[in-house]
Amino acid sequence: VTQGESNTACYFITAGVAHVFRTVVDEGGASHRVLLSKLSTGDCCGEQALLNVGKSLISNVSVVTDVKTRVLRLDQAQALSTRWGKADKKALRQMAVAVPIDSKILQIEADRRKWGVTQGELMERIRFEEAEKNALGAGKALC
């Protein structure tokens, strides 16, 4: 899966490791390749292709493998021949990785470098901020 290119398939990792990157451009025009997540056996990427069958979607991330990785590919044509119930779509959405907007990625990456936090701490911060935003929007408290 390559950022900026059309993607019409979902990939389920059956063995190996993949890295999810997003290339963002700062105010000065410089490009930064930011690691957003690591995927391993049991994870998937490209799930939006199955949740939006019939539409050509442009990927907002790149997924790259550094080691031999085995995946199962399910494209939109295969998905059209399968009946997807609400429970199936809900399970697929829960597997999805939320990708924050570029400005948030740039700020968090700058903070990570400035404060020397790890990639895990960075992604935990993104997850917490997204959960906090969603909970507040729904009128719920996090604690």
Protein backbone atom coordinates (compact mmCIF):
# COMPACT_ATOMS: atom_id res chain seq x y z
CA VAL A 1 0.00 0.00 0.00
CA THR A 2 1.48 3.33 -1.05
CA GLN A 3 0.41 6.77 0.18
CA GLY A 4 -1.30 8.77 -2.55
CA GLU A 5 -2.11 5.75 -4.72
CA SER A 6 -5.42 4.02 -5.28
CA ASN A 7 -6.09 1.01 -3.08
CA THR A 8 -8.92 -1.45 -3.63
CA ALA A 9 -7.80 -4.30 -1.37
CA CYS A 10 -7.41 -5.22 2.27
CA TYR A 11 -4.34 -7.14 3.42
CA PHE A 12 -4.35 -9.49 6.41
CA ILE A 13 -0.88 -10.28 7.78
CA THR A 14 -0.50 -14.01 8.40
CA ALA A 15 3.25 -13.92 9.15
CA GLY A 16 5.84 -11.18 9.43
CA VAL A 17 5.93 -7.48 10.26
CA ALA A 18 4.94 -4.33 8.38
CA HIS A 19 5.41 -0.65 9.19
CA VAL A 20 2.79 2.04 8.57
CA PHE A 21 4.27 5.38 7.49
CA ARG A 22 2.75 8.74 6.63
CA THR A 23 4.73 11.35 4.69
CA VAL A 24 3.78 14.84 5.82
CA VAL A 25 4.99 18.23 4.65
CA ASP A 26 5.76 20.97 7.18
CA GLU A 27 5.18 24.71 6.72
CA GLY A 28 8.66 25.08 5.21
CA GLY A 29 7.89 22.52 2.50
CA ALA A 30 10.15 19.79 3.93
CA SER A 31 8.84 16.21 3.80
CA HIS A 32 8.94 14.01 6.89
CA ARG A 33 8.32 10.25 6.85
CA VAL A 34 6.70 9.42 10.19
CA LEU A 35 6.25 5.89 11.54
CA LEU A 36 2.65 5.61 12.77
CA SER A 37 2.36 1.95 13.63
CA LYS A 38 3.81 -1.53 13.34
CA LEU A 39 1.62 -4.36 12.14
CA SER A 40 2.21 -8.04 12.76
CA THR A 41 0.49 -11.41 12.48
CA GLY A 42 -3.27 -10.97 12.83
CA ASP A 43 -3.31 -7.27 11.87
CA CYS A 44 -4.70 -5.83 8.65
CA CYS A 45 -4.40 -2.70 6.52
CA GLY A 46 -6.47 -1.32 3.67
CA GLU A 47 -9.72 -2.20 5.43
CA GLN A 48 -11.41 0.95 4.08
CA ALA A 49 -11.40 -0.69 0.64
CA LEU A 50 -13.76 -3.35 1.99
CA LEU A 51 -15.87 -0.92 3.98
CA ASN A 52 -16.35 1.25 0.87
CA VAL A 53 -16.80 -1.35 -1.87
CA GLY A 54 -17.31 0.16 -5.29
CA LYS A 55 -15.27 3.26 -4.53
CA SER A 56 -11.68 3.92 -5.55
CA LEU A 57 -9.87 5.11 -2.43
CA ILE A 58 -6.57 6.93 -2.21
CA SER A 59 -4.35 5.59 0.56
CA ASN A 60 -3.30 8.13 3.20
CA VAL A 61 -0.41 5.93 4.41
CA SER A 62 2.30 3.64 3.05
CA VAL A 63 2.73 0.14 4.42
CA VAL A 64 6.23 -1.31 4.08
CA THR A 65 7.80 -4.63 5.07
CA ASP A 66 11.45 -5.04 6.02
CA VAL A 67 11.32 -8.80 6.42
CA LYS A 68 9.64 -11.61 4.53
CA THR A 69 5.94 -11.16 5.21
CA ARG A 70 3.01 -13.30 4.15
CA VAL A 71 -0.38 -11.65 3.61
CA LEU A 72 -3.85 -12.62 2.48
CA ARG A 73 -5.26 -10.13 -0.03
CA LEU A 74 -9.00 -9.53 -0.27
CA ASP A 75 -10.00 -7.10 -3.01
CA GLN A 76 -13.28 -5.32 -3.68
CA ALA A 77 -14.34 -7.80 -6.38
CA GLN A 78 -14.00 -10.66 -3.90
CA ALA A 79 -15.82 -8.61 -1.25
CA LEU A 80 -18.73 -7.97 -3.64
CA SER A 81 -19.24 -11.70 -4.00
CA THR A 82 -19.41 -12.08 -0.21
CA ARG A 83 -22.26 -11.04 2.05
CA TRP A 84 -21.02 -8.67 4.74
CA GLY A 85 -23.30 -8.26 7.73
CA LYS A 86 -23.26 -5.40 10.22
CA ALA A 87 -21.25 -7.50 12.69
CA ASP A 88 -18.61 -8.22 10.02
CA LYS A 89 -18.26 -4.53 9.15
CA LYS A 90 -18.13 -3.56 12.83
CA ALA A 91 -15.35 -6.10 13.47
CA LEU A 92 -13.40 -4.79 10.48
CA ARG A 93 -13.78 -1.17 11.66
CA GLN A 94 -12.48 -2.15 15.11
CA MET A 95 -9.34 -3.54 13.45
CA ALA A 96 -8.78 -0.26 11.60
CA VAL A 97 -5.92 2.04 12.56
CA ALA A 98 -7.00 5.66 12.94
CA VAL A 99 -4.63 8.04 11.18
CA PRO A 100 -4.55 11.57 12.61
CA ILE A 101 -4.37 14.71 10.47
CA ASP A 102 -0.97 15.83 9.15
CA SER A 103 -0.67 18.87 11.44
CA LYS A 104 -1.13 16.65 14.50
CA ILE A 105 1.44 14.14 13.20
CA LEU A 106 3.99 16.92 12.62
CA GLN A 107 3.44 18.41 16.09
CA ILE A 108 3.65 15.05 17.82
CA GLU A 109 6.78 14.08 15.85
CA ALA A 110 8.42 17.41 16.76
CA ASP A 111 7.51 16.85 20.42
CA ARG A 112 8.83 13.28 20.25
CA ARG A 113 12.19 14.50 18.98
CA LYS A 114 12.33 17.41 21.43
CA TRP A 115 11.44 15.34 24.49
CA GLY A 116 12.99 12.06 23.37
CA VAL A 117 9.85 9.94 23.78
CA THR A 118 9.61 6.49 22.23
CA GLN A 119 7.45 5.54 19.27
CA GLY A 120 5.14 3.58 21.62
CA GLU A 121 4.64 6.63 23.83
CA LEU A 122 3.95 8.71 20.73
CA MET A 123 1.24 6.35 19.47
CA GLU A 124 -0.29 6.07 22.96
CA ARG A 125 -0.59 9.86 23.04
CA ILE A 126 -2.35 9.85 19.65
CA ARG A 127 -4.77 7.13 20.81
CA PHE A 128 -5.51 8.96 24.06
CA GLU A 129 -6.12 12.29 22.27
CA GLU A 130 -8.45 10.63 19.76
CA ALA A 131 -10.35 8.80 22.53
CA GLU A 132 -10.60 12.01 24.54
CA LYS A 133 -11.92 13.93 21.52
CA ASN A 134 -14.47 11.21 20.72
CA ALA A 135 -15.61 10.92 24.35
CA LEU A 136 -16.01 14.67 24.76
CA GLY A 137 -17.90 14.87 21.48
CA ALA A 138 -20.27 12.19 22.76
CA GLY A 139 -20.61 13.89 26.15
CA LYS A 140 -18.75 11.11 28.00
CA ALA A 141 -15.98 11.33 30.56
CA LEU A 142 -12.86 9.21 30.08
CA CYS A 143 -12.50 8.32 33.76
